Amino acid sequence: MDDTIKKYLYDILQCITKIDTYIGTPKIFKHYSSNALLQDAVERNFEIIGEATNRVLKLKPDIAITNARKIVDTRNKISHGYDDIEPENIWNIIINYLPTLKTEVENLLGENP
């Protein structure tokens, strides 16, 4: 795999790790929805994930990342539709889609046994 693609994949993985750290365990929506600073931090990392995914797609359009285009679209929505972001939608991504993305990126990087 191209070193540039690996760099972007590591960026994605790092952002996922940050989000997981920020959210903590157990994952409780009320803690997230009542903390504007936490929401800002998570959204910033989603922007980076989306931009890195966009750059990967330009280099390798057939990369094995589920919903890669939707990831980029989410980044655009956060960046350009900032006034229409609902915490419930971001939370849904955190709970239902981020774990899959993490596994896929780890697999692409050869970090999963």
Protein backbone atom coordinates (compact mmCIF):
# COMPACT_ATOMS: atom_id res chain seq x y z
CA MET A 1 0.00 0.00 0.00
CA ASP A 2 1.14 3.51 -0.83
CA ASP A 3 2.73 5.38 2.11
CA THR A 4 0.48 8.37 1.56
CA ILE A 5 -2.62 6.20 1.87
CA LYS A 6 -1.19 4.62 5.03
CA LYS A 7 -0.66 8.08 6.50
CA TYR A 8 -4.30 9.00 5.88
CA LEU A 9 -5.47 5.68 7.33
CA TYR A 10 -3.38 6.28 10.45
CA ASP A 11 -4.93 9.75 10.72
CA ILE A 12 -8.40 8.18 10.59
CA LEU A 13 -7.45 5.62 13.23
CA GLN A 14 -5.98 8.30 15.47
CA CYS A 15 -9.20 10.35 15.25
CA ILE A 16 -11.32 7.31 16.09
CA THR A 17 -9.11 6.66 19.12
CA LYS A 18 -9.48 10.27 20.22
CA ILE A 19 -13.27 10.12 19.88
CA ASP A 20 -13.38 6.88 21.89
CA THR A 21 -11.22 8.50 24.57
CA TYR A 22 -13.32 11.67 24.67
CA ILE A 23 -16.59 9.74 24.92
CA GLY A 24 -15.26 7.32 27.51
CA THR A 25 -16.84 4.15 28.83
CA PRO A 26 -19.66 3.54 29.27
CA LYS A 27 -20.86 5.55 26.30
CA ILE A 28 -23.68 7.73 27.61
CA PHE A 29 -25.54 10.01 25.22
CA LYS A 30 -26.57 12.46 27.95
CA HIS A 31 -22.91 13.14 28.77
CA TYR A 32 -22.25 13.85 25.10
CA SER A 33 -25.38 15.89 24.38
CA SER A 34 -24.93 18.13 27.43
CA ASN A 35 -21.27 18.97 26.74
CA ALA A 36 -20.68 21.50 23.94
CA LEU A 37 -16.91 21.20 24.22
CA LEU A 38 -17.10 17.42 23.79
CA GLN A 39 -19.40 17.82 20.80
CA ASP A 40 -16.97 20.29 19.20
CA ALA A 41 -14.03 17.94 19.74
CA VAL A 42 -15.88 14.96 18.27
CA GLU A 43 -17.13 16.95 15.28
CA ARG A 44 -13.60 18.21 14.56
CA ASN A 45 -12.32 14.64 14.49
CA PHE A 46 -15.18 13.64 12.18
CA GLU A 47 -14.09 16.43 9.84
CA ILE A 48 -10.55 15.03 9.80
CA ILE A 49 -11.82 11.48 9.24
CA GLY A 50 -13.91 12.69 6.33
CA GLU A 51 -11.11 14.70 4.76
CA ALA A 52 -8.63 11.84 5.12
CA THR A 53 -11.16 9.45 3.59
CA ASN A 54 -11.69 11.86 0.71
CA ARG A 55 -7.94 11.96 0.07
CA VAL A 56 -7.73 8.16 0.19
CA LEU A 57 -10.58 7.87 -2.31
CA LYS A 58 -8.74 10.16 -4.72
CA LEU A 59 -5.73 7.84 -4.61
CA LYS A 60 -7.57 4.51 -4.36
CA PRO A 61 -11.26 4.77 -5.27
CA ASP A 62 -11.84 1.06 -4.59
CA ILE A 63 -10.48 1.10 -1.02
CA ALA A 64 -12.27 -1.40 1.24
CA ILE A 65 -14.01 1.14 3.48
CA THR A 66 -17.74 0.70 3.89
CA ASN A 67 -19.70 3.86 3.12
CA ALA A 68 -16.55 5.80 2.26
CA ARG A 69 -18.53 8.31 0.23
CA LYS A 70 -20.99 8.81 3.12
CA ILE A 71 -18.05 9.48 5.43
CA VAL A 72 -16.93 12.30 3.14
CA ASP A 73 -20.52 13.56 2.89
CA THR A 74 -20.74 13.65 6.70
CA ARG A 75 -17.58 15.72 6.83
CA ASN A 76 -19.09 18.16 4.35
CA LYS A 77 -22.32 18.33 6.31
CA ILE A 78 -20.45 19.13 9.54
CA SER A 79 -18.24 21.73 7.83
CA HIS A 80 -20.82 23.45 5.66
CA GLY A 81 -24.10 22.64 7.39
CA TYR A 82 -22.80 23.30 10.87
CA ASP A 83 -26.06 24.96 11.87
CA ASP A 84 -28.06 21.83 11.09
CA ILE A 85 -26.04 19.25 13.07
CA GLU A 86 -28.02 17.26 15.62
CA PRO A 87 -26.18 15.52 18.48
CA GLU A 88 -28.39 12.45 17.99
CA ASN A 89 -27.10 12.02 14.43
CA ILE A 90 -23.46 12.26 15.49
CA TRP A 91 -24.13 9.87 18.36
CA ASN A 92 -25.68 7.37 15.94
CA ILE A 93 -22.48 7.42 13.90
CA ILE A 94 -20.32 7.00 17.01
CA ILE A 95 -22.30 3.98 18.21
CA ASN A 96 -23.27 2.27 14.96
CA TYR A 97 -20.61 3.09 12.37
CA LEU A 98 -17.35 4.12 14.02
CA PRO A 99 -16.56 0.60 15.33
CA THR A 100 -16.85 -0.81 11.80
CA LEU A 101 -14.65 1.92 10.37
CA LYS A 102 -12.05 1.27 13.04
CA THR A 103 -11.96 -2.44 12.24
CA GLU A 104 -11.73 -1.81 8.50
CA VAL A 105 -8.88 0.68 8.88
CA GLU A 106 -7.00 -1.63 11.24
CA ASN A 107 -7.42 -4.44 8.71
CA LEU A 108 -6.15 -2.26 5.89
CA LEU A 109 -3.13 -1.33 7.99
CA GLY A 110 -2.57 -4.95 9.01
CA GLU A 111 -3.09 -4.16 12.68
CA ASN A 112 -5.78 -6.78 13.32
CA PRO A 113 -4.55 -10.28 14.10
